[in-house]
Full PDB file with SEQRES, HELIX, SHEET, SSBOND, CRYST1, ORIGX, SCALE, CONECT and MASTER records, all heavy atoms in Angstrom:
SEQRES   1 A   35  GLN GLY THR LEU ALA VAL ASP VAL THR ALA PRO THR ARG          
SEQRES   2 A   35  VAL SER LEU SER VAL PRO GLU LEU GLY ILE SER ALA ALA          
SEQRES   3 A   35  ASP PRO ALA GLY PRO HIS VAL ILE ASP                          
HELIX    1 AA1 PRO A   19  LEU A   21  5                                   3    
SHEET    1 AA1 2 GLY A   2  LEU A   4  0                                        
SHEET    2 AA1 2 HIS A  32  ILE A  34 -1                                        
SHEET    1 AA2 2 LEU A  16  VAL A  18  0                                        
SHEET    2 AA2 2 ILE A  23  ALA A  25 -1                                        
CRYST1    1.000    1.000    1.000  90.00  90.00  90.00 P 1           1          
ORIGX1      1.000000  0.000000  0.000000        0.00000                         
ORIGX2      0.000000  1.000000  0.000000        0.00000                         
ORIGX3      0.000000  0.000000  1.000000        0.00000                         
SCALE1      1.000000  0.000000  0.000000        0.00000                         
SCALE2      0.000000  1.000000  0.000000        0.00000                         
SCALE3      0.000000  0.000000  1.000000        0.00000                         
ATOM      1  N   GLN A   1     118.013 120.556 134.650  1.00  0.00           N  
ATOM      2  CA  GLN A   1     119.167 121.435 134.504  1.00  0.00           C  
ATOM      3  C   GLN A   1     120.474 120.693 134.787  1.00  0.00           C  
ATOM      4  O   GLN A   1     120.536 119.814 135.654  1.00  0.00           O  
ATOM      5  CB  GLN A   1     119.057 122.628 135.453  1.00  0.00           C  
ATOM      6  CG  GLN A   1     118.005 123.642 135.077  1.00  0.00           C  
ATOM      7  CD  GLN A   1     118.000 124.833 136.025  1.00  0.00           C  
ATOM      8  OE1 GLN A   1     118.324 124.697 137.208  1.00  0.00           O  
ATOM      9  NE2 GLN A   1     117.628 126.000 135.519  1.00  0.00           N  
ATOM     10  N   GLY A   2     121.481 121.079 134.044  1.00  0.00           N  
ATOM     11  CA  GLY A   2     122.831 120.622 134.317  1.00  0.00           C  
ATOM     12  C   GLY A   2     123.660 121.751 134.870  1.00  0.00           C  
ATOM     13  O   GLY A   2     123.439 122.924 134.543  1.00  0.00           O  
ATOM     14  N   THR A   3     124.602 121.419 135.738  1.00  0.00           N  
ATOM     15  CA  THR A   3     125.509 122.414 136.310  1.00  0.00           C  
ATOM     16  C   THR A   3     126.933 121.983 136.008  1.00  0.00           C  
ATOM     17  O   THR A   3     127.329 120.850 136.296  1.00  0.00           O  
ATOM     18  CB  THR A   3     125.323 122.531 137.833  1.00  0.00           C  
ATOM     19  OG1 THR A   3     123.959 122.844 138.117  1.00  0.00           O  
ATOM     20  CG2 THR A   3     126.220 123.636 138.390  1.00  0.00           C  
ATOM     21  N   LEU A   4     127.709 122.896 135.426  1.00  0.00           N  
ATOM     22  CA  LEU A   4     129.069 122.588 135.004  1.00  0.00           C  
ATOM     23  C   LEU A   4     130.046 123.574 135.625  1.00  0.00           C  
ATOM     24  O   LEU A   4     129.851 124.792 135.554  1.00  0.00           O  
ATOM     25  CB  LEU A   4     129.182 122.647 133.479  1.00  0.00           C  
ATOM     26  CG  LEU A   4     130.575 122.429 132.873  1.00  0.00           C  
ATOM     27  CD1 LEU A   4     131.101 121.040 133.210  1.00  0.00           C  
ATOM     28  CD2 LEU A   4     130.530 122.641 131.368  1.00  0.00           C  
ATOM     29  N   ALA A   5     131.094 123.042 136.259  1.00  0.00           N  
ATOM     30  CA  ALA A   5     132.180 123.862 136.802  1.00  0.00           C  
ATOM     31  C   ALA A   5     133.480 123.095 136.574  1.00  0.00           C  
ATOM     32  O   ALA A   5     133.539 121.885 136.810  1.00  0.00           O  
ATOM     33  CB  ALA A   5     131.976 124.137 138.284  1.00  0.00           C  
ATOM     34  N   VAL A   6     134.505 123.792 136.113  1.00  0.00           N  
ATOM     35  CA  VAL A   6     135.798 123.170 135.855  1.00  0.00           C  
ATOM     36  C   VAL A   6     136.856 123.887 136.671  1.00  0.00           C  
ATOM     37  O   VAL A   6     137.098 125.079 136.460  1.00  0.00           O  
ATOM     38  CB  VAL A   6     136.160 123.202 134.355  1.00  0.00           C  
ATOM     39  CG1 VAL A   6     137.460 122.444 134.110  1.00  0.00           C  
ATOM     40  CG2 VAL A   6     135.030 122.632 133.510  1.00  0.00           C  
ATOM     41  N   ASP A   7     137.461 123.185 137.613  1.00  0.00           N  
ATOM     42  CA  ASP A   7     138.583 123.728 138.381  1.00  0.00           C  
ATOM     43  C   ASP A   7     139.865 123.522 137.584  1.00  0.00           C  
ATOM     44  O   ASP A   7     140.168 122.395 137.164  1.00  0.00           O  
ATOM     45  CB  ASP A   7     138.714 123.024 139.732  1.00  0.00           C  
ATOM     46  CG  ASP A   7     137.490 123.212 140.611  1.00  0.00           C  
ATOM     47  OD1 ASP A   7     136.820 124.253 140.461  1.00  0.00           O  
ATOM     48  OD2 ASP A   7     137.193 122.317 141.422  1.00  0.00           O  
ATOM     49  N   VAL A   8     140.615 124.591 137.374  1.00  0.00           N  
ATOM     50  CA  VAL A   8     141.821 124.522 136.550  1.00  0.00           C  
ATOM     51  C   VAL A   8     143.010 125.064 137.330  1.00  0.00           C  
ATOM     52  O   VAL A   8     142.916 126.113 137.976  1.00  0.00           O  
ATOM     53  CB  VAL A   8     141.652 125.334 135.243  1.00  0.00           C  
ATOM     54  CG1 VAL A   8     142.917 125.222 134.385  1.00  0.00           C  
ATOM     55  CG2 VAL A   8     140.432 124.861 134.463  1.00  0.00           C  
ATOM     56  N   THR A   9     144.117 124.345 137.272  1.00  0.00           N  
ATOM     57  CA  THR A   9     145.384 124.821 137.818  1.00  0.00           C  
ATOM     58  C   THR A   9     146.319 125.054 136.648  1.00  0.00           C  
ATOM     59  O   THR A   9     146.701 124.115 135.945  1.00  0.00           O  
ATOM     60  CB  THR A   9     146.006 123.783 138.773  1.00  0.00           C  
ATOM     61  OG1 THR A   9     145.070 123.471 139.807  1.00  0.00           O  
ATOM     62  CG2 THR A   9     147.288 124.325 139.395  1.00  0.00           C  
ATOM     63  N   ALA A  10     146.678 126.322 136.418  1.00  0.00           N  
ATOM     64  CA  ALA A  10     147.471 126.658 135.237  1.00  0.00           C  
ATOM     65  C   ALA A  10     148.219 127.961 135.479  1.00  0.00           C  
ATOM     66  O   ALA A  10     147.780 128.817 136.266  1.00  0.00           O  
ATOM     67  CB  ALA A  10     146.578 126.798 134.008  1.00  0.00           C  
ATOM     68  N   PRO A  11     149.370 128.160 134.796  1.00  0.00           N  
ATOM     69  CA  PRO A  11     150.139 129.403 134.972  1.00  0.00           C  
ATOM     70  C   PRO A  11     149.527 130.601 134.255  1.00  0.00           C  
ATOM     71  O   PRO A  11     149.905 131.738 134.516  1.00  0.00           O  
ATOM     72  CB  PRO A  11     151.505 129.047 134.373  1.00  0.00           C  
ATOM     73  CG  PRO A  11     151.221 127.970 133.374  1.00  0.00           C  
ATOM     74  CD  PRO A  11     150.080 127.185 133.947  1.00  0.00           C  
ATOM     75  N   THR A  12     148.584 130.357 133.323  1.00  0.00           N  
ATOM     76  CA  THR A  12     147.926 131.447 132.606  1.00  0.00           C  
ATOM     77  C   THR A  12     146.418 131.252 132.680  1.00  0.00           C  
ATOM     78  O   THR A  12     145.922 130.210 133.092  1.00  0.00           O  
ATOM     79  CB  THR A  12     148.361 131.473 131.131  1.00  0.00           C  
ATOM     80  OG1 THR A  12     147.985 130.236 130.505  1.00  0.00           O  
ATOM     81  CG2 THR A  12     149.866 131.658 131.008  1.00  0.00           C  
ATOM     82  N   ARG A  13     145.689 132.262 132.251  1.00  0.00           N  
ATOM     83  CA  ARG A  13     144.229 132.186 132.253  1.00  0.00           C  
ATOM     84  C   ARG A  13     143.763 131.143 131.241  1.00  0.00           C  
ATOM     85  O   ARG A  13     144.355 130.959 130.173  1.00  0.00           O  
ATOM     86  CB  ARG A  13     143.614 133.548 131.930  1.00  0.00           C  
ATOM     87  CG  ARG A  13     143.876 134.596 133.002  1.00  0.00           C  
ATOM     88  CD  ARG A  13     143.325 135.948 132.575  1.00  0.00           C  
ATOM     89  NE  ARG A  13     141.879 135.902 132.414  1.00  0.00           N  
ATOM     90  CZ  ARG A  13     140.997 136.131 133.382  1.00  0.00           C  
ATOM     91  NH1 ARG A  13     141.428 136.424 134.597  1.00  0.00           N  
ATOM     92  NH2 ARG A  13     139.705 136.085 133.147  1.00  0.00           N  
ATOM     93  N   VAL A  14     142.656 130.477 131.579  1.00  0.00           N  
ATOM     94  CA  VAL A  14     142.109 129.410 130.738  1.00  0.00           C  
ATOM     95  C   VAL A  14     140.615 129.655 130.554  1.00  0.00           C  
ATOM     96  O   VAL A  14     139.905 129.980 131.510  1.00  0.00           O  
ATOM     97  CB  VAL A  14     142.344 128.026 131.367  1.00  0.00           C  
ATOM     98  CG1 VAL A  14     141.672 126.934 130.548  1.00  0.00           C  
ATOM     99  CG2 VAL A  14     143.832 127.749 131.510  1.00  0.00           C  
ATOM    100  N   SER A  15     140.141 129.521 129.315  1.00  0.00           N  
ATOM    101  CA  SER A  15     138.718 129.679 129.025  1.00  0.00           C  
ATOM    102  C   SER A  15     138.090 128.329 128.712  1.00  0.00           C  
ATOM    103  O   SER A  15     138.776 127.351 128.410  1.00  0.00           O  
ATOM    104  CB  SER A  15     138.505 130.639 127.847  1.00  0.00           C  
ATOM    105  OG  SER A  15     139.119 130.119 126.674  1.00  0.00           O  
ATOM    106  N   LEU A  16     136.757 128.274 128.775  1.00  0.00           N  
ATOM    107  CA  LEU A  16     135.997 127.046 128.562  1.00  0.00           C  
ATOM    108  C   LEU A  16     135.020 127.239 127.421  1.00  0.00           C  
ATOM    109  O   LEU A  16     134.346 128.267 127.323  1.00  0.00           O  
ATOM    110  CB  LEU A  16     135.228 126.674 129.835  1.00  0.00           C  
ATOM    111  CG  LEU A  16     134.174 125.570 129.718  1.00  0.00           C  
ATOM    112  CD1 LEU A  16     134.831 124.225 129.406  1.00  0.00           C  
ATOM    113  CD2 LEU A  16     133.334 125.490 130.994  1.00  0.00           C  
ATOM    114  N   SER A  17     134.929 126.219 126.559  1.00  0.00           N  
ATOM    115  CA  SER A  17     133.975 126.258 125.459  1.00  0.00           C  
ATOM    116  C   SER A  17     133.284 124.905 125.340  1.00  0.00           C  
ATOM    117  O   SER A  17     133.946 123.863 125.296  1.00  0.00           O  
ATOM    118  CB  SER A  17     134.694 126.595 124.140  1.00  0.00           C  
ATOM    119  OG  SER A  17     133.813 126.476 123.041  1.00  0.00           O  
ATOM    120  N   VAL A  18     131.936 124.929 125.306  1.00  0.00           N  
ATOM    121  CA  VAL A  18     131.134 123.740 125.010  1.00  0.00           C  
ATOM    122  C   VAL A  18     130.087 124.190 123.999  1.00  0.00           C  
ATOM    123  O   VAL A  18     128.972 124.572 124.371  1.00  0.00           O  
ATOM    124  CB  VAL A  18     130.475 123.137 126.265  1.00  0.00           C  
ATOM    125  CG1 VAL A  18     129.820 121.801 125.935  1.00  0.00           C  
ATOM    126  CG2 VAL A  18     131.479 122.963 127.394  1.00  0.00           C  
ATOM    127  N   PRO A  19     130.412 124.176 122.719  1.00  0.00           N  
ATOM    128  CA  PRO A  19     129.537 124.773 121.710  1.00  0.00           C  
ATOM    129  C   PRO A  19     128.109 124.229 121.722  1.00  0.00           C  
ATOM    130  O   PRO A  19     127.146 124.983 121.550  1.00  0.00           O  
ATOM    131  CB  PRO A  19     130.255 124.436 120.397  1.00  0.00           C  
ATOM    132  CG  PRO A  19     131.695 124.302 120.774  1.00  0.00           C  
ATOM    133  CD  PRO A  19     131.674 123.690 122.144  1.00  0.00           C  
ATOM    134  N   GLU A  20     127.954 122.918 121.914  1.00  0.00           N  
ATOM    135  CA  GLU A  20     126.623 122.315 121.860  1.00  0.00           C  
ATOM    136  C   GLU A  20     125.712 122.848 122.962  1.00  0.00           C  
ATOM    137  O   GLU A  20     124.476 122.840 122.823  1.00  0.00           O  
ATOM    138  CB  GLU A  20     126.751 120.797 121.966  1.00  0.00           C  
ATOM    139  CG  GLU A  20     125.493 120.048 121.589  1.00  0.00           C  
ATOM    140  CD  GLU A  20     125.698 118.549 121.551  1.00  0.00           C  
ATOM    141  OE1 GLU A  20     126.852 118.085 121.719  1.00  0.00           O  
ATOM    142  OE2 GLU A  20     124.703 117.827 121.359  1.00  0.00           O  
ATOM    143  N   LEU A  21     126.325 123.328 124.050  1.00  0.00           N  
ATOM    144  CA  LEU A  21     125.543 123.869 125.163  1.00  0.00           C  
ATOM    145  C   LEU A  21     125.545 125.393 125.178  1.00  0.00           C  
ATOM    146  O   LEU A  21     125.006 126.009 126.102  1.00  0.00           O  
ATOM    147  CB  LEU A  21     126.108 123.337 126.488  1.00  0.00           C  
ATOM    148  CG  LEU A  21     126.026 121.829 126.687  1.00  0.00           C  
ATOM    149  CD1 LEU A  21     126.708 121.426 127.993  1.00  0.00           C  
ATOM    150  CD2 LEU A  21     124.578 121.351 126.668  1.00  0.00           C  
ATOM    151  N   GLY A  22     126.169 125.991 124.174  1.00  0.00           N  
ATOM    152  CA  GLY A  22     126.213 127.445 124.100  1.00  0.00           C  
ATOM    153  C   GLY A  22     127.120 128.085 125.130  1.00  0.00           C  
ATOM    154  O   GLY A  22     126.938 129.261 125.473  1.00  0.00           O  
ATOM    155  N   ILE A  23     128.102 127.344 125.643  1.00  0.00           N  
ATOM    156  CA  ILE A  23     129.007 127.866 126.660  1.00  0.00           C  
ATOM    157  C   ILE A  23     130.287 128.362 126.015  1.00  0.00           C  
ATOM    158  O   ILE A  23     130.964 127.621 125.293  1.00  0.00           O  
ATOM    159  CB  ILE A  23     129.343 126.791 127.714  1.00  0.00           C  
ATOM    160  CG1 ILE A  23     128.092 126.378 128.474  1.00  0.00           C  
ATOM    161  CG2 ILE A  23     130.418 127.294 128.669  1.00  0.00           C  
ATOM    162  CD1 ILE A  23     128.327 125.255 129.461  1.00  0.00           C  
ATOM    163  N   SER A  24     130.609 129.605 126.257  1.00  0.00           N  
ATOM    164  CA  SER A  24     131.889 130.198 125.879  1.00  0.00           C  
ATOM    165  C   SER A  24     132.237 131.160 126.994  1.00  0.00           C  
ATOM    166  O   SER A  24     131.735 132.286 127.038  1.00  0.00           O  
ATOM    167  CB  SER A  24     131.787 130.920 124.533  1.00  0.00           C  
ATOM    168  OG  SER A  24     133.034 131.497 124.182  1.00  0.00           O  
ATOM    169  N   ALA A  25     133.074 130.699 127.931  1.00  0.00           N  
ATOM    170  CA  ALA A  25     133.239 131.420 129.182  1.00  0.00           C  
ATOM    171  C   ALA A  25     134.711 131.654 129.493  1.00  0.00           C  
ATOM    172  O   ALA A  25     135.539 130.751 129.339  1.00  0.00           O  
ATOM    173  CB  ALA A  25     132.597 130.638 130.328  1.00  0.00           C  
ATOM    174  N   ALA A  26     135.003 132.863 129.939  1.00  0.00           N  
ATOM    175  CA  ALA A  26     136.367 133.179 130.361  1.00  0.00           C  
ATOM    176  C   ALA A  26     136.692 132.532 131.694  1.00  0.00           C  
ATOM    177  O   ALA A  26     137.865 132.314 132.013  1.00  0.00           O  
ATOM    178  CB  ALA A  26     136.551 134.697 130.450  1.00  0.00           C  
ATOM    179  N   ASP A  27     135.654 132.221 132.478  1.00  0.00           N  
ATOM    180  CA  ASP A  27     135.850 131.602 133.787  1.00  0.00           C  
ATOM    181  C   ASP A  27     135.275 130.188 133.770  1.00  0.00           C  
ATOM    182  O   ASP A  27     134.058 130.004 133.876  1.00  0.00           O  
ATOM    183  CB  ASP A  27     135.160 132.433 134.870  1.00  0.00           C  
ATOM    184  CG  ASP A  27     135.339 131.827 136.256  1.00  0.00           C  
ATOM    185  OD1 ASP A  27     136.182 130.908 136.398  1.00  0.00           O  
ATOM    186  OD2 ASP A  27     134.637 132.251 137.186  1.00  0.00           O  
ATOM    187  N   PRO A  28     136.124 129.160 133.654  1.00  0.00           N  
ATOM    188  CA  PRO A  28     135.603 127.788 133.613  1.00  0.00           C  
ATOM    189  C   PRO A  28     134.887 127.373 134.883  1.00  0.00           C  
ATOM    190  O   PRO A  28     134.018 126.502 134.847  1.00  0.00           O  
ATOM    191  CB  PRO A  28     136.874 126.944 133.409  1.00  0.00           C  
ATOM    192  CG  PRO A  28     137.901 127.882 132.868  1.00  0.00           C  
ATOM    193  CD  PRO A  28     137.582 129.208 133.484  1.00  0.00           C  
ATOM    194  N   ALA A  29     135.259 128.009 136.024  1.00  0.00           N  
ATOM    195  CA  ALA A  29     134.707 127.578 137.313  1.00  0.00           C  
ATOM    196  C   ALA A  29     133.230 127.905 137.453  1.00  0.00           C  
ATOM    197  O   ALA A  29     132.513 127.280 138.241  1.00  0.00           O  
ATOM    198  CB  ALA A  29     135.506 128.187 138.461  1.00  0.00           C  
ATOM    199  N   GLY A  30     132.757 128.910 136.686  1.00  0.00           N  
ATOM    200  CA  GLY A  30     131.338 129.252 136.728  1.00  0.00           C  
ATOM    201  C   GLY A  30     130.786 129.470 138.131  1.00  0.00           C  
ATOM    202  O   GLY A  30     131.258 130.328 138.862  1.00  0.00           O  
ATOM    203  N   PRO A  31     129.801 128.652 138.546  1.00  0.00           N  
ATOM    204  CA  PRO A  31     129.234 127.496 137.827  1.00  0.00           C  
ATOM    205  C   PRO A  31     128.300 127.917 136.696  1.00  0.00           C  
ATOM    206  O   PRO A  31     127.655 128.961 136.754  1.00  0.00           O  
ATOM    207  CB  PRO A  31     128.480 126.743 138.918  1.00  0.00           C  
ATOM    208  CG  PRO A  31     128.100 127.795 139.903  1.00  0.00           C  
ATOM    209  CD  PRO A  31     129.191 128.821 139.886  1.00  0.00           C  
ATOM    210  N   HIS A  32     128.231 127.080 135.679  1.00  0.00           N  
ATOM    211  CA  HIS A  32     127.403 127.322 134.510  1.00  0.00           C  
ATOM    212  C   HIS A  32     126.173 126.423 134.589  1.00  0.00           C  
ATOM    213  O   HIS A  32     126.283 125.202 134.676  1.00  0.00           O  
ATOM    214  CB  HIS A  32     128.194 127.043 133.230  1.00  0.00           C  
ATOM    215  CG  HIS A  32     129.504 127.763 133.178  1.00  0.00           C  
ATOM    216  ND1 HIS A  32     129.610 129.086 132.832  1.00  0.00           N  
ATOM    217  CD2 HIS A  32     130.765 127.328 133.468  1.00  0.00           C  
ATOM    218  CE1 HIS A  32     130.892 129.449 132.890  1.00  0.00           C  
ATOM    219  NE2 HIS A  32     131.600 128.408 133.279  1.00  0.00           N  
ATOM    220  N   VAL A  33     124.990 127.037 134.566  1.00  0.00           N  
ATOM    221  CA  VAL A  33     123.731 126.302 134.653  1.00  0.00           C  
ATOM    222  C   VAL A  33     123.108 126.232 133.266  1.00  0.00           C  
ATOM    223  O   VAL A  33     122.962 127.254 132.587  1.00  0.00           O  
ATOM    224  CB  VAL A  33     122.764 126.971 135.648  1.00  0.00           C  
ATOM    225  CG1 VAL A  33     121.445 126.213 135.710  1.00  0.00           C  
ATOM    226  CG2 VAL A  33     123.409 127.044 137.035  1.00  0.00           C  
ATOM    227  N   ILE A  34     122.764 125.009 132.833  1.00  0.00           N  
ATOM    228  CA  ILE A  34     122.260 124.798 131.478  1.00  0.00           C  
ATOM    229  C   ILE A  34     120.909 124.114 131.556  1.00  0.00           C  
ATOM    230  O   ILE A  34     120.740 123.099 132.244  1.00  0.00           O  
ATOM    231  CB  ILE A  34     123.232 123.920 130.654  1.00  0.00           C  
ATOM    232  CG1 ILE A  34     124.663 124.445 130.780  1.00  0.00           C  
ATOM    233  CG2 ILE A  34     122.813 123.874 129.205  1.00  0.00           C  
ATOM    234  CD1 ILE A  34     125.508 123.659 131.751  1.00  0.00           C  
ATOM    235  N   ASP A  35     119.926 124.663 130.871  1.00  0.00           N  
ATOM    236  CA  ASP A  35     118.593 124.065 130.844  1.00  0.00           C  
ATOM    237  C   ASP A  35     118.545 122.930 129.826  1.00  0.00           C  
ATOM    238  O   ASP A  35     119.160 122.992 128.753  1.00  0.00           O  
ATOM    239  CB  ASP A  35     117.542 125.111 130.469  1.00  0.00           C  
ATOM    240  CG  ASP A  35     117.349 126.154 131.564  1.00  0.00           C  
ATOM    241  OD1 ASP A  35     117.471 125.778 132.750  1.00  0.00           O  
ATOM    242  OD2 ASP A  35     117.111 127.325 131.223  1.00  0.00           O  
TER     243      ASP A  35                                                      
MASTER        0    0    0    1    4    0    0    6  242    1    0    3          
END                                                                             
């Protein structure tokens, strides 16, 4: 398994997309667990 979390500092909301892993998330921090 892989675990992905992205800490973002920004004035507006930020989403995360990793199409190859099927990730489309409004919260980049997750954490997102991928098999």
